[in-house]
Amino acid sequence: MKASDRNKLRNRIRTLEGLTDDERSQLLGLLNESKTYGLVWEDKPEKVEEQLRQQLPILREVREKTIPPPQFADLQRIA
């Protein structure tokens, strides 16, 4: 559940009529209690994301490391 949804639900519980203070506090306590299972995604930017906003990577060609294109005779041997 998103934080904004939780806040809306908290406000809704606080304004409900017909609940005792104990019932209201128990409901709010259950809402604050969170059990998570499996993968949990945090809503915060990663360090790399922040770095890339400030420092844009620039790729340069290194001719010594180029992979030569295959010759036509090499392609016939693969099949």
PDB file of N, CA and C in Angstrom:
ATOM      1  N   MET A   1       0.845  -1.172   0.000  1.00  0.00           N
ATOM      2  CA  MET A   1       0.000   0.000   0.000  1.00  0.00           C
ATOM      3  C   MET A   1       0.894   1.239   0.000  1.00  0.00           C
ATOM      4  N   LYS A   2       0.563   2.199  -0.837  1.00  0.00           N
ATOM      5  CA  LYS A   2       1.352   3.419  -0.936  1.00  0.00           C
ATOM      6  C   LYS A   2       1.156   4.280   0.306  1.00  0.00           C
ATOM      7  N   ALA A   3       2.128   5.125   0.554  1.00  0.00           N
ATOM      8  CA  ALA A   3       2.083   6.005   1.726  1.00  0.00           C
ATOM      9  C   ALA A   3       0.896   6.970   1.652  1.00  0.00           C
ATOM     10  N   SER A   4       0.594   7.454   0.455  1.00  0.00           N
ATOM     11  CA  SER A   4      -0.533   8.385   0.324  1.00  0.00           C
ATOM     12  C   SER A   4      -1.859   7.684   0.632  1.00  0.00           C
ATOM     13  N   ASP A   5      -1.986   6.410   0.223  1.00  0.00           N
ATOM     14  CA  ASP A   5      -3.200   5.649   0.525  1.00  0.00           C
ATOM     15  C   ASP A   5      -3.324   5.405   2.029  1.00  0.00           C
ATOM     16  N   ARG A   6      -2.193   5.128   2.669  1.00  0.00           N
ATOM     17  CA  ARG A   6      -2.200   4.913   4.125  1.00  0.00           C
ATOM     18  C   ARG A   6      -2.646   6.173   4.851  1.00  0.00           C
ATOM     19  N   ASN A   7      -2.147   7.313   4.403  1.00  0.00           N
ATOM     20  CA  ASN A   7      -2.526   8.580   5.045  1.00  0.00           C
ATOM     21  C   ASN A   7      -4.012   8.862   4.876  1.00  0.00           C
ATOM     22  N   LYS A   8      -4.549   8.585   3.699  1.00  0.00           N
ATOM     23  CA  LYS A   8      -5.983   8.782   3.479  1.00  0.00           C
ATOM     24  C   LYS A   8      -6.801   7.876   4.393  1.00  0.00           C
ATOM     25  N   LEU A   9      -6.346   6.618   4.529  1.00  0.00           N
ATOM     26  CA  LEU A   9      -7.059   5.670   5.380  1.00  0.00           C
ATOM     27  C   LEU A   9      -6.971   6.074   6.849  1.00  0.00           C
ATOM     28  N   ARG A  10      -5.807   6.568   7.280  1.00  0.00           N
ATOM     29  CA  ARG A  10      -5.660   7.054   8.661  1.00  0.00           C
ATOM     30  C   ARG A  10      -6.644   8.191   8.938  1.00  0.00           C
ATOM     31  N   ASN A  11      -6.705   9.126   8.010  1.00  0.00           N
ATOM     32  CA  ASN A  11      -7.627  10.256   8.180  1.00  0.00           C
ATOM     33  C   ASN A  11      -9.071   9.780   8.216  1.00  0.00           C
ATOM     34  N   ARG A  12      -9.381   8.797   7.398  1.00  0.00           N
ATOM     35  CA  ARG A  12     -10.745   8.254   7.364  1.00  0.00           C
ATOM     36  C   ARG A  12     -11.099   7.575   8.692  1.00  0.00           C
ATOM     37  N   ILE A  13     -10.131   6.823   9.249  1.00  0.00           N
ATOM     38  CA  ILE A  13     -10.367   6.142  10.533  1.00  0.00           C
ATOM     39  C   ILE A  13     -10.568   7.171  11.646  1.00  0.00           C
ATOM     40  N   ARG A  14      -9.796   8.240  11.612  1.00  0.00           N
ATOM     41  CA  ARG A  14      -9.907   9.272  12.655  1.00  0.00           C
ATOM     42  C   ARG A  14     -11.261   9.974  12.620  1.00  0.00           C
ATOM     43  N   THR A  15     -11.860  10.085  11.436  1.00  0.00           N
ATOM     44  CA  THR A  15     -13.121  10.811  11.316  1.00  0.00           C
ATOM     45  C   THR A  15     -14.354   9.913  11.435  1.00  0.00           C
ATOM     46  N   LEU A  16     -14.159   8.595  11.521  1.00  0.00           N
ATOM     47  CA  LEU A  16     -15.306   7.689  11.646  1.00  0.00           C
ATOM     48  C   LEU A  16     -16.032   7.901  12.969  1.00  0.00           C
ATOM     49  N   GLU A  17     -17.341   7.881  12.898  1.00  0.00           N
ATOM     50  CA  GLU A  17     -18.136   8.018  14.114  1.00  0.00           C
ATOM     51  C   GLU A  17     -18.593   6.638  14.557  1.00  0.00           C
ATOM     52  N   GLY A  18     -18.859   6.493  15.844  1.00  0.00           N
ATOM     53  CA  GLY A  18     -19.341   5.226  16.366  1.00  0.00           C
ATOM     54  C   GLY A  18     -18.230   4.306  16.834  1.00  0.00           C
ATOM     55  N   LEU A  19     -16.990   4.763  16.789  1.00  0.00           N
ATOM     56  CA  LEU A  19     -15.864   3.969  17.278  1.00  0.00           C
ATOM     57  C   LEU A  19     -15.381   4.544  18.603  1.00  0.00           C
ATOM     58  N   THR A  20     -15.003   3.642  19.508  1.00  0.00           N
ATOM     59  CA  THR A  20     -14.407   4.119  20.756  1.00  0.00           C
ATOM     60  C   THR A  20     -12.953   4.466  20.485  1.00  0.00           C
ATOM     61  N   ASP A  21     -12.348   5.154  21.433  1.00  0.00           N
ATOM     62  CA  ASP A  21     -10.938   5.516  21.266  1.00  0.00           C
ATOM     63  C   ASP A  21     -10.059   4.276  21.177  1.00  0.00           C
ATOM     64  N   ASP A  22     -10.390   3.223  21.948  1.00  0.00           N
ATOM     65  CA  ASP A  22      -9.618   1.984  21.891  1.00  0.00           C
ATOM     66  C   ASP A  22      -9.718   1.333  20.515  1.00  0.00           C
ATOM     67  N   GLU A  23     -10.927   1.271  19.969  1.00  0.00           N
ATOM     68  CA  GLU A  23     -11.117   0.668  18.650  1.00  0.00           C
ATOM     69  C   GLU A  23     -10.359   1.460  17.581  1.00  0.00           C
ATOM     70  N   ARG A  24     -10.441   2.772  17.700  1.00  0.00           N
ATOM     71  CA  ARG A  24      -9.749   3.637  16.739  1.00  0.00           C
ATOM     72  C   ARG A  24      -8.235   3.436  16.832  1.00  0.00           C
ATOM     73  N   SER A  25      -7.698   3.370  18.042  1.00  0.00           N
ATOM     74  CA  SER A  25      -6.253   3.198  18.198  1.00  0.00           C
ATOM     75  C   SER A  25      -5.808   1.811  17.723  1.00  0.00           C
ATOM     76  N   GLN A  26      -6.660   0.789  17.931  1.00  0.00           N
ATOM     77  CA  GLN A  26      -6.313  -0.547  17.446  1.00  0.00           C
ATOM     78  C   GLN A  26      -6.291  -0.592  15.922  1.00  0.00           C
ATOM     79  N   LEU A  27      -7.252   0.048  15.291  1.00  0.00           N
ATOM     80  CA  LEU A  27      -7.259   0.100  13.826  1.00  0.00           C
ATOM     81  C   LEU A  27      -6.033   0.828  13.280  1.00  0.00           C
ATOM     82  N   LEU A  28      -5.694   1.941  13.915  1.00  0.00           N
ATOM     83  CA  LEU A  28      -4.507   2.686  13.480  1.00  0.00           C
ATOM     84  C   LEU A  28      -3.239   1.872  13.716  1.00  0.00           C
ATOM     85  N   GLY A  29      -3.217   1.109  14.824  1.00  0.00           N
ATOM     86  CA  GLY A  29      -2.070   0.246  15.096  1.00  0.00           C
ATOM     87  C   GLY A  29      -1.924  -0.845  14.048  1.00  0.00           C
ATOM     88  N   LEU A  30      -3.037  -1.436  13.638  1.00  0.00           N
ATOM     89  CA  LEU A  30      -2.993  -2.452  12.583  1.00  0.00           C
ATOM     90  C   LEU A  30      -2.523  -1.862  11.262  1.00  0.00           C
ATOM     91  N   LEU A  31      -2.908  -0.647  11.002  1.00  0.00           N
ATOM     92  CA  LEU A  31      -2.490   0.009   9.769  1.00  0.00           C
ATOM     93  C   LEU A  31      -0.992   0.299   9.774  1.00  0.00           C
ATOM     94  N   ASN A  32      -0.450   0.656  10.934  1.00  0.00           N
ATOM     95  CA  ASN A  32       0.980   0.950  11.030  1.00  0.00           C
ATOM     96  C   ASN A  32       1.823  -0.310  10.997  1.00  0.00           C
ATOM     97  N   GLU A  33       1.242  -1.420  11.398  1.00  0.00           N
ATOM     98  CA  GLU A  33       1.962  -2.686  11.411  1.00  0.00           C
ATOM     99  C   GLU A  33       2.099  -3.178   9.975  1.00  0.00           C
ATOM    100  N   SER A  34       3.308  -3.464   9.579  1.00  0.00           N
ATOM    101  CA  SER A  34       3.475  -3.921   8.197  1.00  0.00           C
ATOM    102  C   SER A  34       4.333  -5.176   8.164  1.00  0.00           C
ATOM    103  N   LYS A  35       3.798  -6.198   7.546  1.00  0.00           N
ATOM    104  CA  LYS A  35       4.539  -7.431   7.336  1.00  0.00           C
ATOM    105  C   LYS A  35       4.788  -7.535   5.847  1.00  0.00           C
ATOM    106  N   THR A  36       6.017  -7.734   5.489  1.00  0.00           N
ATOM    107  CA  THR A  36       6.351  -7.833   4.078  1.00  0.00           C
ATOM    108  C   THR A  36       6.969  -9.178   3.799  1.00  0.00           C
ATOM    109  N   TYR A  37       6.594  -9.745   2.696  1.00  0.00           N
ATOM    110  CA  TYR A  37       7.111 -11.041   2.268  1.00  0.00           C
ATOM    111  C   TYR A  37       7.619 -10.902   0.845  1.00  0.00           C
ATOM    112  N   GLY A  38       8.652 -11.645   0.522  1.00  0.00           N
ATOM    113  CA  GLY A  38       9.172 -11.627  -0.843  1.00  0.00           C
ATOM    114  C   GLY A  38       9.991 -10.377  -1.107  1.00  0.00           C
ATOM    115  N   LEU A  39       9.976  -9.949  -2.340  1.00  0.00           N
ATOM    116  CA  LEU A  39      10.733  -8.765  -2.736  1.00  0.00           C
ATOM    117  C   LEU A  39      10.007  -7.495  -2.308  1.00  0.00           C
ATOM    118  N   VAL A  40      10.738  -6.588  -1.725  1.00  0.00           N
ATOM    119  CA  VAL A  40      10.166  -5.314  -1.289  1.00  0.00           C
ATOM    120  C   VAL A  40      10.921  -4.209  -2.015  1.00  0.00           C
ATOM    121  N   TRP A  41      10.196  -3.402  -2.761  1.00  0.00           N
ATOM    122  CA  TRP A  41      10.805  -2.301  -3.498  1.00  0.00           C
ATOM    123  C   TRP A  41      10.688  -1.034  -2.670  1.00  0.00           C
ATOM    124  N   GLU A  42      11.814  -0.390  -2.473  1.00  0.00           N
ATOM    125  CA  GLU A  42      11.825   0.863  -1.731  1.00  0.00           C
ATOM    126  C   GLU A  42      11.608   2.013  -2.699  1.00  0.00           C
ATOM    127  N   ASP A  43      10.872   3.010  -2.259  1.00  0.00           N
ATOM    128  CA  ASP A  43      10.613   4.180  -3.099  1.00  0.00           C
ATOM    129  C   ASP A  43      11.678   5.240  -2.875  1.00  0.00           C
ATOM    130  N   LYS A  44      12.911   4.891  -3.219  1.00  0.00           N
ATOM    131  CA  LYS A  44      13.992   5.865  -3.124  1.00  0.00           C
ATOM    132  C   LYS A  44      14.923   5.666  -4.306  1.00  0.00           C
ATOM    133  N   PRO A  45      15.512   6.740  -4.814  1.00  0.00           N
ATOM    134  CA  PRO A  45      16.402   6.609  -5.972  1.00  0.00           C
ATOM    135  C   PRO A  45      17.708   5.919  -5.576  1.00  0.00           C
ATOM    136  N   GLU A  46      18.241   5.141  -6.495  1.00  0.00           N
ATOM    137  CA  GLU A  46      19.514   4.480  -6.245  1.00  0.00           C
ATOM    138  C   GLU A  46      20.655   5.470  -6.465  1.00  0.00           C
ATOM    139  N   LYS A  47      21.833   5.138  -5.926  1.00  0.00           N
ATOM    140  CA  LYS A  47      22.992   6.026  -6.057  1.00  0.00           C
ATOM    141  C   LYS A  47      23.366   6.234  -7.524  1.00  0.00           C
ATOM    142  N   VAL A  48      23.293   5.158  -8.302  1.00  0.00           N
ATOM    143  CA  VAL A  48      23.630   5.235  -9.721  1.00  0.00           C
ATOM    144  C   VAL A  48      22.686   6.193 -10.447  1.00  0.00           C
ATOM    145  N   GLU A  49      21.422   6.152 -10.101  1.00  0.00           N
ATOM    146  CA  GLU A  49      20.438   7.028 -10.737  1.00  0.00           C
ATOM    147  C   GLU A  49      20.772   8.493 -10.465  1.00  0.00           C
ATOM    148  N   GLU A  50      21.145   8.787  -9.233  1.00  0.00           N
ATOM    149  CA  GLU A  50      21.514  10.163  -8.886  1.00  0.00           C
ATOM    150  C   GLU A  50      22.802  10.577  -9.602  1.00  0.00           C
ATOM    151  N   GLN A  51      23.777   9.662  -9.702  1.00  0.00           N
ATOM    152  CA  GLN A  51      25.031   9.965 -10.388  1.00  0.00           C
ATOM    153  C   GLN A  51      24.790  10.261 -11.859  1.00  0.00           C
ATOM    154  N   LEU A  52      23.936   9.463 -12.500  1.00  0.00           N
ATOM    155  CA  LEU A  52      23.694   9.639 -13.927  1.00  0.00           C
ATOM    156  C   LEU A  52      22.955  10.935 -14.228  1.00  0.00           C
ATOM    157  N   ARG A  53      22.228  11.457 -13.268  1.00  0.00           N
ATOM    158  CA  ARG A  53      21.569  12.749 -13.488  1.00  0.00           C
ATOM    159  C   ARG A  53      22.589  13.879 -13.548  1.00  0.00           C
ATOM    160  N   GLN A  54      23.692  13.716 -12.829  1.00  0.00           N
ATOM    161  CA  GLN A  54      24.712  14.759 -12.774  1.00  0.00           C
ATOM    162  C   GLN A  54      25.828  14.519 -13.781  1.00  0.00           C
ATOM    163  N   GLN A  55      26.174  13.257 -14.014  1.00  0.00           N
ATOM    164  CA  GLN A  55      27.302  12.920 -14.883  1.00  0.00           C
ATOM    165  C   GLN A  55      26.818  11.984 -15.986  1.00  0.00           C
ATOM    166  N   LEU A  56      26.645  12.519 -17.165  1.00  0.00           N
ATOM    167  CA  LEU A  56      26.164  11.735 -18.293  1.00  0.00           C
ATOM    168  C   LEU A  56      27.327  10.944 -18.896  1.00  0.00           C
ATOM    169  N   PRO A  57      27.202   9.611 -19.006  1.00  0.00           N
ATOM    170  CA  PRO A  57      28.295   8.834 -19.582  1.00  0.00           C
ATOM    171  C   PRO A  57      28.401   9.075 -21.093  1.00  0.00           C
ATOM    172  N   ILE A  58      29.626   9.172 -21.571  1.00  0.00           N
ATOM    173  CA  ILE A  58      29.874   9.373 -22.997  1.00  0.00           C
ATOM    174  C   ILE A  58      30.684   8.182 -23.489  1.00  0.00           C
ATOM    175  N   LEU A  59      30.179   7.489 -24.491  1.00  0.00           N
ATOM    176  CA  LEU A  59      30.854   6.326 -25.042  1.00  0.00           C
ATOM    177  C   LEU A  59      31.722   6.753 -26.214  1.00  0.00           C
ATOM    178  N   ARG A  60      32.942   6.211 -26.237  1.00  0.00           N
ATOM    179  CA  ARG A  60      33.873   6.504 -27.324  1.00  0.00           C
ATOM    180  C   ARG A  60      34.312   5.201 -27.965  1.00  0.00           C
ATOM    181  N   GLU A  61      34.521   5.236 -29.257  1.00  0.00           N
ATOM    182  CA  GLU A  61      34.943   4.045 -29.982  1.00  0.00           C
ATOM    183  C   GLU A  61      36.430   3.805 -29.781  1.00  0.00           C
ATOM    184  N   VAL A  62      36.797   2.569 -29.461  1.00  0.00           N
ATOM    185  CA  VAL A  62      38.199   2.168 -29.345  1.00  0.00           C
ATOM    186  C   VAL A  62      38.460   1.216 -30.510  1.00  0.00           C
ATOM    187  N   ARG A  63      39.170   1.697 -31.517  1.00  0.00           N
ATOM    188  CA  ARG A  63      39.343   0.924 -32.751  1.00  0.00           C
ATOM    189  C   ARG A  63      40.095  -0.385 -32.521  1.00  0.00           C
ATOM    190  N   GLU A  64      40.947  -0.445 -31.538  1.00  0.00           N
ATOM    191  CA  GLU A  64      41.698  -1.673 -31.278  1.00  0.00           C
ATOM    192  C   GLU A  64      40.786  -2.804 -30.786  1.00  0.00           C
ATOM    193  N   LYS A  65      39.625  -2.454 -30.265  1.00  0.00           N
ATOM    194  CA  LYS A  65      38.737  -3.464 -29.694  1.00  0.00           C
ATOM    195  C   LYS A  65      37.538  -3.783 -30.581  1.00  0.00           C
ATOM    196  N   THR A  66      37.560  -3.347 -31.827  1.00  0.00           N
ATOM    197  CA  THR A  66      36.431  -3.631 -32.709  1.00  0.00           C
ATOM    198  C   THR A  66      36.407  -5.097 -33.100  1.00  0.00           C
ATOM    199  N   ILE A  67      35.232  -5.610 -33.312  1.00  0.00           N
ATOM    200  CA  ILE A  67      35.051  -6.996 -33.742  1.00  0.00           C
ATOM    201  C   ILE A  67      34.875  -6.966 -35.252  1.00  0.00           C
ATOM    202  N   PRO A  68      35.744  -7.657 -35.977  1.00  0.00           N
ATOM    203  CA  PRO A  68      35.641  -7.593 -37.442  1.00  0.00           C
ATOM    204  C   PRO A  68      34.381  -8.306 -37.934  1.00  0.00           C
ATOM    205  N   PRO A  69      33.813  -7.831 -39.036  1.00  0.00           N
ATOM    206  CA  PRO A  69      32.613  -8.490 -39.565  1.00  0.00           C
ATOM    207  C   PRO A  69      32.961  -9.875 -40.106  1.00  0.00           C
ATOM    208  N   PRO A  70      32.033 -10.808 -40.040  1.00  0.00           N
ATOM    209  CA  PRO A  70      32.328 -12.160 -40.530  1.00  0.00           C
ATOM    210  C   PRO A  70      32.456 -12.180 -42.051  1.00  0.00           C
ATOM    211  N   GLN A  71      33.313 -13.050 -42.549  1.00  0.00           N
ATOM    212  CA  GLN A  71      33.484 -13.216 -43.991  1.00  0.00           C
ATOM    213  C   GLN A  71      32.377 -14.108 -44.528  1.00  0.00           C
ATOM    214  N   PHE A  72      32.111 -14.041 -45.834  1.00  0.00           N
ATOM    215  CA  PHE A  72      31.034 -14.812 -46.440  1.00  0.00           C
ATOM    216  C   PHE A  72      31.313 -16.316 -46.308  1.00  0.00           C
ATOM    217  N   ALA A  73      32.546 -16.732 -46.425  1.00  0.00           N
ATOM    218  CA  ALA A  73      32.891 -18.156 -46.319  1.00  0.00           C
ATOM    219  C   ALA A  73      32.626 -18.651 -44.912  1.00  0.00           C
ATOM    220  N   ASP A  74      32.848 -17.835 -43.887  1.00  0.00           N
ATOM    221  CA  ASP A  74      32.601 -18.234 -42.497  1.00  0.00           C
ATOM    222  C   ASP A  74      31.122 -18.475 -42.259  1.00  0.00           C
ATOM    223  N   LEU A  75      30.247 -17.722 -42.913  1.00  0.00           N
ATOM    224  CA  LEU A  75      28.820 -17.872 -42.739  1.00  0.00           C
ATOM    225  C   LEU A  75      28.329 -19.207 -43.298  1.00  0.00           C
ATOM    226  N   GLN A  76      28.940 -19.708 -44.361  1.00  0.00           N
ATOM    227  CA  GLN A  76      28.527 -20.980 -44.941  1.00  0.00           C
ATOM    228  C   GLN A  76      28.892 -22.162 -44.040  1.00  0.00           C
ATOM    229  N   ARG A  77      29.962 -22.038 -43.289  1.00  0.00           N
ATOM    230  CA  ARG A  77      30.372 -23.131 -42.388  1.00  0.00           C
ATOM    231  C   ARG A  77      29.438 -23.280 -41.181  1.00  0.00           C
ATOM    232  N   ILE A  78      28.789 -22.209 -40.773  1.00  0.00           N
ATOM    233  CA  ILE A  78      27.916 -22.272 -39.609  1.00  0.00           C
ATOM    234  C   ILE A  78      26.685 -23.122 -39.902  1.00  0.00           C
ATOM    235  N   ALA A  79      26.143 -23.000 -41.089  1.00  0.00           N
ATOM    236  CA  ALA A  79      24.912 -23.716 -41.450  1.00  0.00           C
ATOM    237  C   ALA A  79      25.200 -25.149 -41.667  1.00  0.00           C
TER     238      ALA A  79
END
